N, C-alpha and C. Protein backbone atom coordinates (compact mmCIF):
# COMPACT_ATOMS: atom_id res chain seq x y z
N LYS A 1 -2.52 0.27 -32.98
CA LYS A 1 -2.83 -1.15 -32.66
C LYS A 1 -3.58 -1.29 -31.46
N LYS A 2 -4.53 -1.94 -31.55
CA LYS A 2 -5.33 -2.34 -30.31
C LYS A 2 -5.07 -3.28 -29.46
N ALA A 3 -4.65 -2.89 -27.82
CA ALA A 3 -4.20 -3.89 -27.07
C ALA A 3 -5.38 -4.78 -26.58
N HIS A 4 -5.74 -5.70 -27.33
CA HIS A 4 -7.03 -6.37 -26.95
C HIS A 4 -6.82 -8.04 -27.63
N THR A 5 -6.98 -8.88 -26.73
CA THR A 5 -6.77 -10.39 -26.99
C THR A 5 -8.04 -10.89 -26.47
N PRO A 6 -8.35 -12.10 -27.25
CA PRO A 6 -9.44 -13.04 -26.69
C PRO A 6 -9.21 -13.40 -25.13
N GLY A 7 -10.47 -13.13 -24.45
CA GLY A 7 -10.44 -13.60 -22.78
C GLY A 7 -9.93 -12.17 -21.93
N ALA A 8 -9.51 -11.26 -22.83
CA ALA A 8 -9.26 -9.91 -21.98
C ALA A 8 -10.52 -9.32 -21.38
N ALA A 9 -11.44 -9.34 -22.09
CA ALA A 9 -12.68 -8.73 -21.88
C ALA A 9 -13.21 -9.01 -20.41
N GLY A 10 -13.28 -10.26 -20.23
CA GLY A 10 -13.94 -10.75 -18.94
C GLY A 10 -13.12 -10.32 -17.74
N VAL A 11 -11.75 -10.36 -17.78
CA VAL A 11 -10.95 -9.87 -16.81
C VAL A 11 -11.05 -8.42 -16.56
N TRP A 12 -10.89 -7.76 -17.83
CA TRP A 12 -10.94 -6.32 -17.77
C TRP A 12 -12.41 -5.56 -17.22
N GLU A 13 -13.39 -6.40 -17.44
CA GLU A 13 -14.72 -5.85 -17.02
C GLU A 13 -14.61 -5.99 -15.16
N LEU A 14 -13.95 -7.17 -15.15
CA LEU A 14 -13.75 -7.48 -13.47
C LEU A 14 -13.14 -6.28 -12.79
N ALA A 15 -12.05 -5.87 -13.53
CA ALA A 15 -11.09 -4.82 -13.11
C ALA A 15 -12.02 -3.42 -12.91
N ALA A 16 -12.90 -3.21 -13.82
CA ALA A 16 -13.60 -1.97 -13.95
C ALA A 16 -14.51 -1.95 -13.02
N ARG A 17 -15.27 -3.22 -12.41
CA ARG A 17 -16.48 -3.10 -11.65
C ARG A 17 -16.09 -2.79 -10.31
N ALA A 18 -16.77 -2.00 -9.61
CA ALA A 18 -16.63 -1.76 -8.23
C ALA A 18 -17.12 -2.77 -7.22
N GLY A 19 -16.30 -3.02 -6.26
CA GLY A 19 -16.69 -3.92 -5.34
C GLY A 19 -16.80 -5.46 -5.82
N GLY A 20 -16.92 -5.67 -6.96
CA GLY A 20 -17.18 -7.11 -7.58
C GLY A 20 -15.87 -8.02 -7.50
N GLY A 21 -14.79 -7.33 -7.82
CA GLY A 21 -13.64 -7.89 -7.69
C GLY A 21 -13.48 -9.31 -8.72
N VAL A 22 -12.63 -10.14 -8.44
CA VAL A 22 -12.24 -11.38 -9.11
C VAL A 22 -13.14 -12.56 -8.71
N VAL A 23 -13.80 -12.44 -7.53
CA VAL A 23 -14.55 -13.35 -6.98
C VAL A 23 -15.68 -13.93 -8.05
N GLY A 24 -15.79 -15.05 -8.31
CA GLY A 24 -16.61 -15.72 -9.13
C GLY A 24 -15.90 -15.84 -10.75
N ALA A 25 -14.81 -15.02 -10.80
CA ALA A 25 -14.44 -15.29 -12.27
C ALA A 25 -13.73 -16.69 -12.78
N LEU A 26 -13.52 -17.27 -11.95
CA LEU A 26 -13.06 -18.93 -12.41
C LEU A 26 -14.43 -19.68 -12.16
N GLY A 27 -15.52 -19.23 -11.89
CA GLY A 27 -16.64 -20.00 -11.50
C GLY A 27 -16.61 -20.35 -9.96
N PRO A 28 -17.51 -21.16 -9.49
CA PRO A 28 -17.44 -21.33 -7.92
C PRO A 28 -16.40 -22.81 -7.76
N PRO A 29 -15.99 -22.60 -6.66
CA PRO A 29 -15.44 -23.91 -6.36
C PRO A 29 -16.19 -25.15 -6.45
N ARG A 30 -15.76 -26.16 -6.92
CA ARG A 30 -16.36 -27.55 -6.87
C ARG A 30 -15.69 -28.61 -6.16
N ALA A 31 -16.24 -29.40 -5.43
CA ALA A 31 -15.60 -30.45 -4.82
C ALA A 31 -15.12 -31.34 -5.94
N GLY A 32 -13.61 -32.05 -5.72
CA GLY A 32 -13.23 -32.89 -6.42
C GLY A 32 -12.74 -32.24 -7.78
N MET A 33 -12.69 -30.96 -7.89
CA MET A 33 -12.48 -30.54 -9.18
C MET A 33 -11.02 -29.53 -8.92
N GLY A 34 -10.24 -29.96 -8.02
CA GLY A 34 -8.99 -29.06 -7.81
C GLY A 34 -9.19 -28.10 -6.58
N VAL A 35 -8.25 -27.33 -6.61
CA VAL A 35 -8.05 -26.36 -5.30
C VAL A 35 -8.04 -24.98 -5.85
N THR A 36 -8.96 -24.16 -5.12
CA THR A 36 -8.94 -22.82 -5.61
C THR A 36 -8.45 -21.94 -4.50
N VAL A 37 -7.79 -21.01 -4.53
CA VAL A 37 -6.97 -20.16 -3.78
C VAL A 37 -7.45 -18.75 -3.98
N GLU A 38 -7.82 -17.81 -2.89
CA GLU A 38 -8.25 -16.61 -3.16
C GLU A 38 -7.68 -15.53 -2.10
N VAL A 39 -7.05 -14.63 -2.75
CA VAL A 39 -6.10 -13.61 -1.77
C VAL A 39 -6.91 -12.31 -1.96
N ARG A 40 -7.05 -11.50 -0.98
CA ARG A 40 -7.45 -10.12 -1.02
C ARG A 40 -6.64 -9.25 -0.04
N GLN A 41 -5.85 -8.36 -0.54
CA GLN A 41 -5.24 -7.41 0.14
C GLN A 41 -5.21 -5.78 0.01
N VAL A 42 -4.81 -5.07 0.79
CA VAL A 42 -4.92 -3.59 0.64
C VAL A 42 -3.41 -3.16 0.89
N TYR A 43 -2.83 -2.71 -0.15
CA TYR A 43 -1.30 -2.03 -0.02
C TYR A 43 -1.78 -0.62 0.28
N LYS A 44 -1.01 -0.04 1.30
CA LYS A 44 -1.20 1.39 1.58
C LYS A 44 -0.11 2.10 1.02
N TYR A 45 -0.17 1.82 -0.48
CA TYR A 45 0.74 2.88 -1.49
C TYR A 45 -0.12 2.96 -2.68
N PRO A 46 0.05 4.18 -3.46
CA PRO A 46 -0.52 4.46 -4.50
C PRO A 46 -0.61 3.18 -5.76
N PHE A 47 -1.50 3.32 -6.61
CA PHE A 47 -1.66 2.37 -7.39
C PHE A 47 -0.37 2.21 -8.33
N GLU A 48 0.18 3.38 -8.87
CA GLU A 48 1.28 3.44 -9.63
C GLU A 48 2.64 2.74 -9.13
N GLN A 49 2.55 3.00 -7.99
CA GLN A 49 3.76 2.50 -7.32
C GLN A 49 3.92 0.85 -6.91
N VAL A 50 2.58 0.44 -6.44
CA VAL A 50 2.23 -1.07 -6.60
C VAL A 50 2.52 -1.80 -7.93
N VAL A 51 1.96 -1.06 -8.84
CA VAL A 51 2.11 -1.81 -10.17
C VAL A 51 3.64 -1.89 -10.45
N ALA A 52 4.30 -0.62 -10.52
CA ALA A 52 5.50 -0.70 -10.95
C ALA A 52 6.23 -1.70 -10.24
N SER A 53 6.22 -1.93 -8.83
CA SER A 53 6.82 -2.87 -7.97
C SER A 53 6.35 -4.45 -8.65
N PHE A 54 5.28 -4.52 -8.82
CA PHE A 54 4.76 -6.04 -9.31
C PHE A 54 5.45 -6.31 -10.60
N LEU A 55 5.55 -5.15 -11.67
CA LEU A 55 6.25 -5.50 -12.77
C LEU A 55 7.74 -5.75 -12.79
N ARG A 56 8.30 -5.36 -11.82
CA ARG A 56 9.77 -5.66 -11.54
C ARG A 56 10.20 -6.48 -10.57
N LYS A 57 9.19 -7.23 -10.02
CA LYS A 57 9.46 -8.13 -8.83
C LYS A 57 10.17 -9.19 -8.99
N TYR A 58 10.25 -9.67 -10.13
CA TYR A 58 11.03 -10.98 -10.30
C TYR A 58 11.98 -10.65 -11.85
N PRO A 59 12.94 -11.52 -12.11
CA PRO A 59 13.76 -12.35 -10.86
C PRO A 59 14.36 -11.31 -9.75
N ASN A 60 14.67 -11.81 -8.85
CA ASN A 60 15.26 -11.05 -7.72
C ASN A 60 16.09 -12.15 -6.82
N PRO A 61 17.17 -11.55 -6.19
CA PRO A 61 18.10 -12.65 -5.36
C PRO A 61 17.15 -13.27 -3.82
N MET A 62 16.14 -12.58 -3.76
CA MET A 62 15.54 -12.89 -2.53
C MET A 62 14.68 -14.46 -2.79
N ASP A 63 14.12 -14.50 -4.23
CA ASP A 63 13.19 -15.68 -4.46
C ASP A 63 14.06 -16.42 -5.64
N LYS A 64 14.99 -17.30 -5.29
CA LYS A 64 15.54 -18.30 -6.27
C LYS A 64 14.41 -19.07 -7.29
N ASN A 65 13.53 -19.07 -6.83
CA ASN A 65 12.59 -19.94 -7.89
C ASN A 65 12.21 -19.42 -9.00
N VAL A 66 12.18 -18.13 -9.13
CA VAL A 66 12.11 -17.56 -10.42
C VAL A 66 13.11 -17.12 -11.05
N ILE A 67 13.55 -18.06 -12.37
CA ILE A 67 14.94 -17.66 -12.81
C ILE A 67 14.95 -16.57 -13.79
N SER A 68 13.73 -16.55 -14.59
CA SER A 68 13.69 -15.15 -15.59
C SER A 68 12.32 -14.96 -15.84
N VAL A 69 12.23 -13.51 -16.43
CA VAL A 69 10.85 -13.18 -16.66
C VAL A 69 11.18 -12.30 -18.04
N LYS A 70 10.36 -12.73 -19.15
CA LYS A 70 10.86 -11.88 -20.48
C LYS A 70 9.63 -11.64 -20.88
N ILE A 71 9.56 -10.46 -21.58
CA ILE A 71 8.17 -9.70 -21.88
C ILE A 71 8.57 -9.98 -23.71
N VAL A 72 7.39 -10.73 -23.90
CA VAL A 72 7.36 -11.43 -25.35
C VAL A 72 6.44 -10.41 -26.35
N GLU A 73 5.71 -9.74 -25.71
CA GLU A 73 4.77 -8.63 -26.32
C GLU A 73 4.38 -7.55 -25.47
N GLU A 74 4.22 -6.39 -26.11
CA GLU A 74 3.85 -5.13 -25.39
C GLU A 74 3.24 -4.24 -26.26
N LYS A 75 2.04 -3.62 -26.07
CA LYS A 75 1.55 -2.63 -26.94
C LYS A 75 0.51 -1.73 -26.31
N ARG A 76 0.27 -0.50 -26.52
CA ARG A 76 -0.40 0.52 -26.18
C ARG A 76 -1.42 0.62 -27.13
N ASP A 77 -2.78 0.66 -26.52
CA ASP A 77 -3.91 0.92 -27.33
C ASP A 77 -4.02 2.41 -27.38
N VAL A 78 -3.80 3.10 -28.66
CA VAL A 78 -3.82 4.58 -28.72
C VAL A 78 -5.14 5.23 -28.23
N SER A 79 -6.27 4.27 -28.40
CA SER A 79 -7.67 5.22 -28.04
C SER A 79 -7.81 5.24 -26.78
N THR A 80 -7.42 4.04 -26.23
CA THR A 80 -7.93 3.84 -24.58
C THR A 80 -6.83 4.26 -23.67
N GLY A 81 -5.37 3.94 -24.30
CA GLY A 81 -4.31 4.28 -23.34
C GLY A 81 -4.00 2.83 -22.57
N ILE A 82 -4.69 1.82 -22.74
CA ILE A 82 -4.57 0.73 -21.99
C ILE A 82 -3.12 -0.01 -22.37
N ILE A 83 -2.50 -0.60 -21.62
CA ILE A 83 -1.17 -1.16 -22.05
C ILE A 83 -1.33 -2.72 -21.75
N TYR A 84 -1.04 -3.25 -22.90
CA TYR A 84 -1.17 -4.94 -22.80
C TYR A 84 0.56 -5.48 -22.88
N ARG A 85 0.58 -6.39 -21.86
CA ARG A 85 1.85 -7.13 -21.70
C ARG A 85 1.73 -8.60 -21.73
N LYS A 86 2.47 -9.15 -22.50
CA LYS A 86 2.59 -10.72 -22.51
C LYS A 86 4.01 -11.07 -21.94
N ARG A 87 3.97 -11.80 -20.72
CA ARG A 87 5.21 -12.25 -20.22
C ARG A 87 5.34 -13.87 -20.13
N ILE A 88 6.73 -14.24 -20.23
CA ILE A 88 6.91 -15.58 -19.80
C ILE A 88 7.95 -15.79 -18.67
N ALA A 89 7.56 -16.43 -17.65
CA ALA A 89 8.48 -16.55 -16.48
C ALA A 89 8.73 -18.23 -16.67
N ILE A 90 10.15 -18.30 -16.56
CA ILE A 90 10.66 -19.31 -16.12
C ILE A 90 11.00 -19.59 -14.65
N CYS A 91 10.50 -20.67 -14.14
CA CYS A 91 10.74 -20.97 -12.64
C CYS A 91 11.37 -22.31 -12.50
N GLN A 92 11.94 -22.49 -11.23
CA GLN A 92 12.71 -23.71 -10.86
C GLN A 92 11.28 -24.76 -10.72
N ASN A 93 11.49 -25.88 -10.94
CA ASN A 93 10.84 -26.91 -10.42
C ASN A 93 10.57 -27.14 -9.15
N VAL A 94 9.63 -26.57 -8.28
CA VAL A 94 9.64 -26.79 -6.73
C VAL A 94 8.96 -27.96 -6.33
N VAL A 95 8.66 -28.81 -7.24
CA VAL A 95 7.97 -30.20 -6.73
C VAL A 95 8.81 -31.10 -6.00
N PRO A 96 8.62 -31.64 -4.79
CA PRO A 96 9.48 -32.02 -3.84
C PRO A 96 10.25 -33.21 -4.55
N GLU A 97 11.43 -33.42 -4.44
CA GLU A 97 12.34 -34.53 -5.05
C GLU A 97 11.49 -35.83 -4.91
N ILE A 98 11.05 -36.19 -3.73
CA ILE A 98 10.23 -37.62 -3.62
C ILE A 98 9.39 -37.88 -4.74
N LEU A 99 8.50 -36.62 -5.10
CA LEU A 99 7.63 -36.86 -6.04
C LEU A 99 8.09 -36.60 -7.50
N ARG A 100 9.24 -36.07 -7.69
CA ARG A 100 10.08 -35.97 -9.08
C ARG A 100 10.29 -37.48 -9.63
N LYS A 101 10.29 -38.40 -8.78
CA LYS A 101 10.70 -39.85 -9.02
C LYS A 101 9.77 -40.21 -10.22
N ILE A 102 8.65 -39.61 -10.29
CA ILE A 102 7.55 -39.76 -11.21
C ILE A 102 8.03 -39.10 -12.57
N SER A 103 8.13 -39.79 -13.51
CA SER A 103 8.84 -39.44 -15.04
C SER A 103 8.04 -37.85 -15.57
N ILE A 104 6.80 -37.80 -15.38
CA ILE A 104 6.21 -36.62 -15.72
C ILE A 104 6.64 -35.40 -14.92
N LEU A 105 6.94 -35.56 -13.75
CA LEU A 105 7.27 -34.34 -12.82
C LEU A 105 8.88 -34.18 -12.81
N LYS A 106 9.58 -34.86 -13.74
CA LYS A 106 11.04 -34.56 -13.57
C LYS A 106 11.45 -33.74 -14.75
N VAL A 107 11.20 -32.45 -14.59
CA VAL A 107 11.64 -31.34 -15.56
C VAL A 107 12.42 -30.45 -14.37
N PRO A 108 13.38 -29.71 -15.05
CA PRO A 108 14.13 -28.90 -14.38
C PRO A 108 13.23 -27.64 -14.26
N ASN A 109 12.45 -27.00 -14.95
CA ASN A 109 11.86 -25.66 -15.08
C ASN A 109 10.40 -25.83 -15.27
N ILE A 110 9.78 -24.91 -14.93
CA ILE A 110 8.31 -24.63 -15.32
C ILE A 110 8.14 -23.22 -15.91
N GLN A 111 7.51 -23.37 -17.06
CA GLN A 111 7.00 -22.02 -17.62
C GLN A 111 5.70 -21.81 -17.27
N LEU A 112 5.62 -20.22 -17.10
CA LEU A 112 4.31 -19.57 -16.86
C LEU A 112 3.99 -18.61 -17.97
N GLU A 113 2.87 -18.16 -18.41
CA GLU A 113 2.45 -17.28 -19.36
C GLU A 113 1.61 -16.40 -18.41
N GLU A 114 1.86 -14.96 -18.65
CA GLU A 114 1.36 -14.03 -17.93
C GLU A 114 0.88 -12.99 -18.89
N GLU A 115 -0.41 -12.47 -18.71
CA GLU A 115 -0.98 -11.22 -19.76
C GLU A 115 -1.72 -10.22 -18.77
N SER A 116 -1.29 -9.01 -19.14
CA SER A 116 -1.72 -8.04 -18.14
C SER A 116 -2.23 -7.00 -19.07
N TRP A 117 -3.34 -6.09 -18.49
CA TRP A 117 -3.75 -5.05 -19.05
C TRP A 117 -3.73 -3.83 -18.28
N VAL A 118 -2.98 -2.79 -18.38
CA VAL A 118 -2.83 -1.84 -17.26
C VAL A 118 -3.84 -0.53 -17.88
N ASN A 119 -4.46 -0.05 -17.20
CA ASN A 119 -5.31 1.04 -17.63
C ASN A 119 -4.98 2.30 -16.39
N PRO A 120 -4.05 3.05 -17.13
CA PRO A 120 -3.72 4.25 -16.22
C PRO A 120 -4.62 5.12 -15.90
N GLN A 121 -5.62 5.30 -16.86
CA GLN A 121 -6.78 6.27 -16.43
C GLN A 121 -7.60 5.91 -15.27
N GLU A 122 -8.02 4.55 -15.40
CA GLU A 122 -8.83 4.18 -14.21
C GLU A 122 -8.13 3.62 -13.06
N ARG A 123 -6.66 3.52 -13.11
CA ARG A 123 -5.76 3.16 -12.28
C ARG A 123 -6.31 1.79 -11.75
N SER A 124 -6.08 0.92 -12.64
CA SER A 124 -6.31 -0.66 -12.54
C SER A 124 -5.55 -1.41 -13.50
N MET A 125 -5.17 -2.63 -13.05
CA MET A 125 -4.55 -3.59 -13.93
C MET A 125 -5.20 -4.87 -13.56
N ALA A 126 -5.35 -5.51 -14.86
CA ALA A 126 -6.00 -7.08 -14.82
C ALA A 126 -4.84 -7.74 -15.10
N ILE A 127 -4.77 -9.09 -14.73
CA ILE A 127 -3.87 -9.80 -14.90
C ILE A 127 -4.56 -11.39 -14.92
N GLN A 128 -4.03 -12.18 -16.18
CA GLN A 128 -4.57 -13.62 -16.26
C GLN A 128 -3.12 -14.22 -16.35
N SER A 129 -2.87 -15.33 -15.70
CA SER A 129 -1.72 -16.22 -16.00
C SER A 129 -2.02 -17.73 -15.88
N HIS A 130 -1.27 -18.70 -16.58
CA HIS A 130 -1.30 -19.85 -16.60
C HIS A 130 -0.33 -20.58 -16.71
N CYS A 131 -0.12 -21.94 -16.39
CA CYS A 131 1.09 -22.59 -16.47
C CYS A 131 1.07 -23.26 -17.83
N LEU A 132 2.16 -23.14 -18.66
CA LEU A 132 2.33 -23.76 -19.89
C LEU A 132 3.02 -25.28 -19.99
N THR A 133 3.76 -25.83 -18.76
CA THR A 133 4.32 -26.86 -18.70
C THR A 133 3.24 -27.87 -17.80
N TRP A 134 3.39 -29.22 -18.41
CA TRP A 134 2.43 -30.25 -17.84
C TRP A 134 0.87 -29.79 -17.99
N THR A 135 0.57 -29.40 -19.12
CA THR A 135 -0.77 -28.95 -19.57
C THR A 135 -1.70 -30.27 -19.80
N GLN A 136 -1.02 -31.34 -20.13
CA GLN A 136 -1.87 -32.53 -20.26
C GLN A 136 -2.15 -33.27 -18.99
N TYR A 137 -1.61 -32.93 -17.68
CA TYR A 137 -1.77 -33.38 -16.39
C TYR A 137 -2.28 -32.28 -15.41
N ALA A 138 -2.11 -30.90 -15.69
CA ALA A 138 -2.34 -30.08 -14.71
C ALA A 138 -2.82 -28.70 -15.33
N SER A 139 -3.73 -27.93 -14.78
CA SER A 139 -4.47 -26.96 -15.03
C SER A 139 -4.06 -25.81 -14.02
N MET A 140 -3.12 -24.80 -14.17
CA MET A 140 -2.95 -23.85 -13.08
C MET A 140 -3.34 -22.36 -13.69
N LYS A 141 -4.43 -21.79 -13.38
CA LYS A 141 -4.84 -20.56 -13.81
C LYS A 141 -5.01 -19.44 -12.60
N GLU A 142 -4.54 -18.31 -12.68
CA GLU A 142 -4.90 -16.99 -11.88
C GLU A 142 -5.41 -15.86 -12.55
N GLU A 143 -6.35 -15.26 -11.94
CA GLU A 143 -6.82 -13.87 -12.45
C GLU A 143 -6.74 -12.89 -11.25
N SER A 144 -6.09 -11.85 -11.56
CA SER A 144 -5.92 -10.64 -10.58
C SER A 144 -6.28 -9.42 -10.90
N VAL A 145 -6.21 -8.71 -9.86
CA VAL A 145 -6.70 -7.36 -10.51
C VAL A 145 -6.03 -6.41 -9.18
N PHE A 146 -5.29 -5.37 -9.54
CA PHE A 146 -4.87 -4.36 -8.79
C PHE A 146 -5.79 -3.11 -9.29
N ARG A 147 -6.28 -2.56 -8.33
CA ARG A 147 -6.93 -1.42 -8.41
C ARG A 147 -6.92 -0.40 -7.17
N GLU A 148 -7.46 0.86 -7.60
CA GLU A 148 -7.43 2.03 -6.61
C GLU A 148 -8.28 1.43 -5.54
N SER A 149 -8.10 1.76 -4.34
CA SER A 149 -8.75 1.33 -3.24
C SER A 149 -10.18 2.36 -2.89
N ALA A 150 -11.23 1.77 -2.64
CA ALA A 150 -12.30 2.40 -2.61
C ALA A 150 -12.12 3.29 -1.16
N GLU A 151 -11.44 2.89 -0.33
CA GLU A 151 -11.17 3.35 1.05
C GLU A 151 -10.44 4.59 1.06
N ASN A 152 -9.41 4.63 0.16
CA ASN A 152 -8.50 5.68 0.08
C ASN A 152 -7.55 5.64 -1.26
N PRO A 153 -7.69 6.79 -2.17
CA PRO A 153 -7.27 6.81 -3.63
C PRO A 153 -5.91 6.76 -3.51
N ASN A 154 -5.13 6.65 -2.20
CA ASN A 154 -3.73 6.53 -2.38
C ASN A 154 -3.22 5.04 -2.10
N TRP A 155 -3.94 4.10 -1.71
CA TRP A 155 -4.06 2.74 -1.56
C TRP A 155 -4.28 2.14 -2.80
N THR A 156 -3.90 0.72 -2.79
CA THR A 156 -4.18 -0.16 -3.85
C THR A 156 -4.75 -1.45 -3.30
N GLU A 157 -6.02 -1.84 -4.01
CA GLU A 157 -6.52 -3.02 -3.60
C GLU A 157 -5.93 -4.17 -4.46
N PHE A 158 -5.80 -5.50 -4.01
CA PHE A 158 -5.25 -6.64 -4.79
C PHE A 158 -6.28 -7.64 -4.60
N ILE A 159 -6.71 -8.22 -5.50
CA ILE A 159 -7.68 -9.53 -5.55
C ILE A 159 -6.81 -10.53 -6.62
N GLN A 160 -7.13 -11.70 -5.99
CA GLN A 160 -6.25 -12.76 -6.90
C GLN A 160 -7.19 -13.92 -6.47
N ARG A 161 -7.35 -14.78 -7.51
CA ARG A 161 -8.00 -16.05 -7.45
C ARG A 161 -7.32 -17.06 -8.34
N GLY A 162 -7.13 -18.08 -7.77
CA GLY A 162 -6.32 -19.20 -8.71
C GLY A 162 -7.04 -20.34 -8.47
N ARG A 163 -6.68 -21.26 -9.39
CA ARG A 163 -7.48 -22.80 -9.49
C ARG A 163 -6.33 -23.76 -10.02
N ILE A 164 -5.95 -24.62 -9.32
CA ILE A 164 -5.23 -25.75 -9.79
C ILE A 164 -5.84 -27.06 -9.82
N THR A 165 -5.80 -27.82 -10.91
CA THR A 165 -6.47 -28.97 -11.18
C THR A 165 -5.28 -30.07 -11.56
N ILE A 166 -5.38 -31.04 -11.23
CA ILE A 166 -4.34 -32.31 -11.38
C ILE A 166 -5.10 -33.43 -11.95
N THR A 167 -4.97 -33.88 -12.98
CA THR A 167 -5.62 -34.93 -13.49
C THR A 167 -4.65 -35.93 -14.12
N GLY A 168 -4.86 -36.93 -14.26
CA GLY A 168 -3.95 -37.99 -14.77
C GLY A 168 -2.91 -38.68 -13.84
N ALA A 169 -2.80 -38.12 -12.61
CA ALA A 169 -1.66 -38.57 -11.75
C ALA A 169 -2.20 -39.66 -10.78
N GLY A 170 -3.38 -40.20 -11.04
CA GLY A 170 -3.92 -41.26 -10.30
C GLY A 170 -4.10 -40.77 -8.42
N PHE A 171 -3.60 -41.72 -7.85
CA PHE A 171 -3.89 -41.22 -6.33
C PHE A 171 -2.97 -40.05 -5.91
N LEU A 172 -2.05 -39.66 -6.72
CA LEU A 172 -1.32 -38.63 -6.36
C LEU A 172 -2.09 -37.30 -6.71
N ASN A 173 -3.04 -37.13 -7.44
CA ASN A 173 -3.83 -36.00 -7.64
C ASN A 173 -3.99 -35.05 -6.61
N CYS A 174 -4.51 -35.71 -5.38
CA CYS A 174 -4.85 -34.74 -4.22
C CYS A 174 -3.47 -34.30 -3.58
N VAL A 175 -2.44 -35.22 -3.37
CA VAL A 175 -1.33 -34.65 -2.78
C VAL A 175 -0.58 -33.59 -3.67
N LEU A 176 -0.70 -33.69 -5.04
CA LEU A 176 0.15 -32.61 -5.93
C LEU A 176 -0.92 -31.43 -5.83
N GLU A 177 -2.24 -31.48 -5.83
CA GLU A 177 -3.00 -30.36 -5.59
C GLU A 177 -2.62 -29.58 -4.29
N THR A 178 -2.64 -30.28 -3.28
CA THR A 178 -2.42 -29.55 -1.82
C THR A 178 -0.93 -28.93 -2.06
N PHE A 179 -0.03 -29.58 -2.49
CA PHE A 179 1.35 -28.86 -2.69
C PHE A 179 1.19 -27.72 -3.64
N ALA A 180 0.53 -27.66 -4.91
CA ALA A 180 0.39 -26.80 -5.79
C ALA A 180 -0.20 -25.61 -4.99
N SER A 181 -1.30 -25.99 -4.24
CA SER A 181 -2.15 -24.44 -3.48
C SER A 181 -1.31 -23.98 -2.42
N THR A 182 -0.16 -24.52 -1.89
CA THR A 182 0.80 -23.97 -1.25
C THR A 182 1.66 -22.74 -1.74
N PHE A 183 2.07 -23.41 -3.17
CA PHE A 183 2.68 -22.68 -3.93
C PHE A 183 2.23 -21.64 -4.33
N LEU A 184 0.94 -21.64 -4.89
CA LEU A 184 -0.03 -20.65 -5.41
C LEU A 184 -0.02 -19.43 -4.19
N ARG A 185 -0.34 -19.98 -2.76
CA ARG A 185 -0.50 -18.91 -1.97
C ARG A 185 0.75 -18.26 -1.69
N GLN A 186 1.86 -18.77 -1.77
CA GLN A 186 3.19 -18.19 -1.58
C GLN A 186 3.32 -17.00 -2.81
N GLY A 187 3.18 -17.61 -3.94
CA GLY A 187 3.27 -16.58 -5.08
C GLY A 187 2.37 -15.30 -4.80
N ALA A 188 1.22 -15.40 -4.01
CA ALA A 188 0.60 -14.24 -4.04
C ALA A 188 1.21 -13.26 -2.99
N GLN A 189 2.12 -13.57 -2.20
CA GLN A 189 2.55 -12.86 -0.97
C GLN A 189 3.53 -11.49 -1.55
C-alpha cells in the first residue's frame, strides 16, 4: 500500500528541502486575514527520540486540555518506508466562559485531525493538522516539520507554522483570533 494522500506532497517536499523549512507553506501572512504563528526550535536530542516523544505526548496528566488521541489510519509505503498516520484529537473547549455565551462557541470539546508522514531514511517527519470543529466559522491549519539538524546530526530541528482565521463572528473575530493564536503558541511548546 502506498502511504500517500492528496496534499501530502507539498508538506513532504518542505520536509526534504534543506534550509527552506515550512516558511511560506501557508502563503504569506496577510493583514485582516487571520493570525499566523511561526515557531522554530532545535532540540538537542536525536530525531528518533524527539519523534517518539511527540507521538506519545498526549494525552498526559500535565495537560488536561487534550482528552484523547486516536489513530484512525496507519500504513507504511513498502517502496519508500514512509509511515503515514492519521490521528483525531479530542480537546477541551478552552474558549473563555464569557465568550461561550455565544451559542456557536458553547461546545464541550474540539476535534483536531492530524496527518503525519515519517521518513526514517531521511530522518524527517512532516505534519499537517486542522480543526474539525467550527469549520463554518473558523479555520485553523498547522504545518510542521521535524528533521535532523544541519548543525548536528544528533539534534532535531522543529519548524511549525499555523494560521487561524475567524469569520462570521462579527466584531468578535479579532478577539477570538487573538485568543486562538495564544492557544496555538502554547500547543507548540
